[in-house]
Protein backbone atom coordinates (compact mmCIF):
# COMPACT_ATOMS: atom_id res chain seq x y z
CA MET A 1 -3.80 27.90 2.04
CA ASP A 2 -4.52 29.01 -1.45
CA PRO A 3 -8.07 29.77 -2.68
CA VAL A 4 -8.21 26.70 -4.91
CA THR A 5 -7.49 24.32 -2.01
CA LEU A 6 -9.94 26.12 0.25
CA ILE A 7 -12.72 26.04 -2.33
CA ALA A 8 -12.04 22.33 -2.94
CA THR A 9 -12.42 21.72 0.81
CA ALA A 10 -15.62 23.78 0.88
CA THR A 11 -17.00 21.99 -2.17
CA ALA A 12 -16.33 18.57 -0.66
CA ALA A 13 -18.05 19.59 2.57
CA TYR A 14 -20.92 21.16 0.60
CA ASN A 15 -21.50 18.05 -1.47
CA GLY A 16 -21.36 15.87 1.62
CA LEU A 17 -23.84 18.09 3.44
CA LYS A 18 -26.19 18.30 0.50
CA GLY A 19 -26.30 14.53 0.18
CA ALA A 20 -26.62 13.97 3.92
CA ILE A 21 -29.46 16.48 4.32
CA ALA A 22 -31.28 15.03 1.32
CA ALA A 23 -30.91 11.57 2.86
CA GLY A 24 -32.49 12.88 6.09
CA LYS A 25 -29.47 12.34 8.33
CA GLU A 26 -29.55 13.70 11.86
CA ILE A 27 -27.98 17.03 12.76
CA GLN A 28 -25.25 15.33 14.81
CA GLU A 29 -24.08 13.44 11.73
CA LEU A 30 -23.69 16.71 9.81
CA ALA A 31 -21.47 18.46 12.37
CA GLN A 32 -18.14 17.66 10.76
CA ASP A 33 -19.19 18.71 7.25
CA LEU A 34 -20.87 21.87 8.56
CA GLY A 35 -17.70 22.73 10.47
CA SER A 36 -15.55 22.12 7.40
CA LEU A 37 -17.75 24.29 5.20
CA TRP A 38 -17.94 27.19 7.68
CA ASN A 39 -14.22 26.93 8.39
CA ALA A 40 -13.40 27.08 4.67
CA VAL A 41 -15.74 30.05 4.19
CA GLY A 42 -14.07 31.83 7.13
CA GLN A 43 -10.60 31.15 5.77
CA LEU A 44 -11.62 32.34 2.30
CA THR A 45 -13.08 35.52 3.77
CA HIS A 46 -9.87 36.11 5.70
CA LEU A 47 -7.77 35.36 2.64
CA ALA A 48 -9.82 37.70 0.45
CA ALA A 49 -9.50 40.49 3.02
CA SER A 50 -5.72 40.12 3.40
CA PRO A 51 -3.43 41.90 0.97
CA PRO A 52 -1.80 39.75 -1.68
CA LYS A 53 1.74 38.58 -1.00
CA LYS A 54 4.35 40.54 -2.84
CA ARG A 55 6.42 38.42 -5.15
CA LEU A 56 9.76 39.27 -6.63
CA PHE A 57 8.72 38.78 -10.24
CA SER A 58 5.00 39.56 -10.36
CA ASN A 59 3.18 41.71 -12.86
CA ALA A 60 -0.22 43.35 -12.93
CA ALA A 61 -1.81 40.37 -14.69
CA ASP A 62 -0.66 37.98 -11.94
CA ILE A 63 -2.04 40.26 -9.25
CA GLU A 64 -5.37 40.63 -11.05
CA LYS A 65 -5.56 36.87 -11.59
CA GLU A 66 -4.98 36.24 -7.88
CA ALA A 67 -7.61 38.85 -6.95
CA MET A 68 -10.14 37.24 -9.30
CA GLU A 69 -9.37 33.76 -7.90
CA ARG A 70 -9.87 35.02 -4.36
CA TYR A 71 -13.12 36.78 -5.23
CA ALA A 72 -14.49 33.81 -7.18
CA ALA A 73 -13.61 31.34 -4.41
CA LYS A 74 -15.14 33.58 -1.73
CA SER A 75 -18.29 34.13 -3.80
CA LYS A 76 -18.70 30.41 -4.51
CA ALA A 77 -18.18 29.56 -0.82
CA PHE A 78 -20.78 32.12 0.29
CA HIS A 79 -23.22 30.75 -2.29
CA MET A 80 -22.68 27.19 -1.05
CA GLN A 81 -23.09 28.33 2.56
CA ALA A 82 -26.37 30.13 1.76
CA GLU A 83 -27.69 27.11 -0.13
CA ILE A 84 -26.80 24.75 2.72
CA LYS A 85 -28.43 27.16 5.19
CA ASN A 86 -31.65 27.17 3.16
CA LEU A 87 -31.60 23.39 2.74
CA PHE A 88 -30.85 22.91 6.45
CA ILE A 89 -33.72 25.21 7.43
CA SER A 90 -36.12 23.50 5.01
CA VAL A 91 -35.39 20.10 6.56
CA TYR A 92 -34.76 20.87 10.24
CA GLY A 93 -36.42 24.27 10.64
CA LEU A 94 -35.21 27.74 11.53
CA PRO A 95 -35.07 27.03 15.30
CA ALA A 96 -32.62 24.19 14.70
CA TYR A 97 -30.42 26.38 12.50
CA GLU A 98 -30.47 29.20 15.04
CA ALA A 99 -29.62 26.72 17.82
CA VAL A 100 -26.64 25.49 15.82
CA GLN A 101 -25.51 29.07 15.22
CA ARG A 102 -25.80 29.90 18.95
CA GLU A 103 -23.79 26.80 19.78
CA VAL A 104 -21.11 27.78 17.24
CA ILE A 105 -20.88 31.23 18.84
CA GLU A 106 -20.61 29.76 22.33
CA ILE A 107 -17.93 27.28 21.27
CA ARG A 108 -15.94 30.07 19.59
CA LYS A 109 -16.24 32.24 22.69
CA GLU A 110 -15.06 29.38 24.89
CA ALA A 111 -12.14 28.61 22.58
CA ASP A 112 -11.18 32.31 22.56
CA ARG A 113 -11.42 32.44 26.36
CA GLN A 114 -9.23 29.34 26.68
CA HIS A 115 -6.71 30.79 24.24
CA ARG A 116 -6.49 34.04 26.22
CA GLU A 117 -6.14 32.06 29.46
CA GLU A 118 -3.32 29.96 27.96
CA GLU A 119 -1.55 33.12 26.81
CA ARG A 120 -1.93 34.64 30.28
CA LEU A 121 -0.52 31.51 31.93
CA ALA A 122 2.38 31.39 29.46
CA ALA A 123 3.18 35.05 30.23
CA GLU A 124 3.05 34.30 33.97
CA ARG A 125 5.37 31.30 33.54
CA ALA A 126 7.81 33.40 31.50
CA GLU A 127 7.77 36.10 34.20
CA GLU A 128 8.34 33.50 36.94
CA LEU A 129 11.22 32.01 34.95
CA LYS A 130 12.74 35.47 34.48
CA ASP A 131 12.43 36.12 38.23
CA ALA A 132 13.96 32.74 39.06
CA ALA A 133 16.87 33.35 36.69
CA GLY A 134 17.47 36.76 38.25
CA LEU A 135 17.42 35.28 41.75
CA PHE A 136 19.78 32.49 40.65
CA PHE A 137 22.31 34.99 39.32
CA ILE A 138 22.09 37.11 42.47
CA VAL A 139 22.68 34.09 44.69
CA MET A 140 25.51 32.86 42.48
CA GLY A 141 27.06 36.34 42.59
CA LEU A 142 26.87 36.38 46.37
CA VAL A 143 28.36 32.89 46.61
CA LEU A 144 31.16 33.92 44.25
CA ALA A 145 31.78 37.12 46.21
CA MET A 146 31.89 35.17 49.49
CA GLY A 147 34.24 32.64 47.91
CA ILE A 148 36.62 35.34 46.67
CA THR A 149 36.47 37.12 50.00
CA GLY A 150 37.20 33.87 51.83
CA PHE A 151 40.05 33.07 49.47
CA LEU A 152 41.57 36.51 49.95
CA LEU A 153 41.24 36.23 53.71
CA LEU A 154 42.85 32.79 53.58
CA ILE A 155 45.76 34.13 51.52
CA LYS A 156 46.19 37.12 53.87
CA LEU A 157 46.47 34.87 56.93
């Protein structure tokens, strides 16, 4: 995604959160907007850290413009995140914010663990398939060899 789309997503989540917190909504009702904001901030951080894509016909001004867009979007997203954090803490308290952060960390760890497990299972399945294919070709080779041997013996008799 480009920085403009990401910052638009973050801004929409930010405005939704700001209004919801001001209205005194419960933490559970804010989960989706919080997730959207933090996801957009994470994507912007990743985008800002990655090198710009090389284009066939780009000049220094285009590269500088892209770098400024990335920096501005990342800075705005961090500012929105900090403001939401402060607003969240002022309404629900620091323990609630820290509890949410711990939960986010645990969910990310679990998702990462599941992803690694899925990759391990996929690698095992690929290895089993490779072994089965090898066994199939060995058996087919033996059947073919026995068939040729039988045919030659039949012709000889």
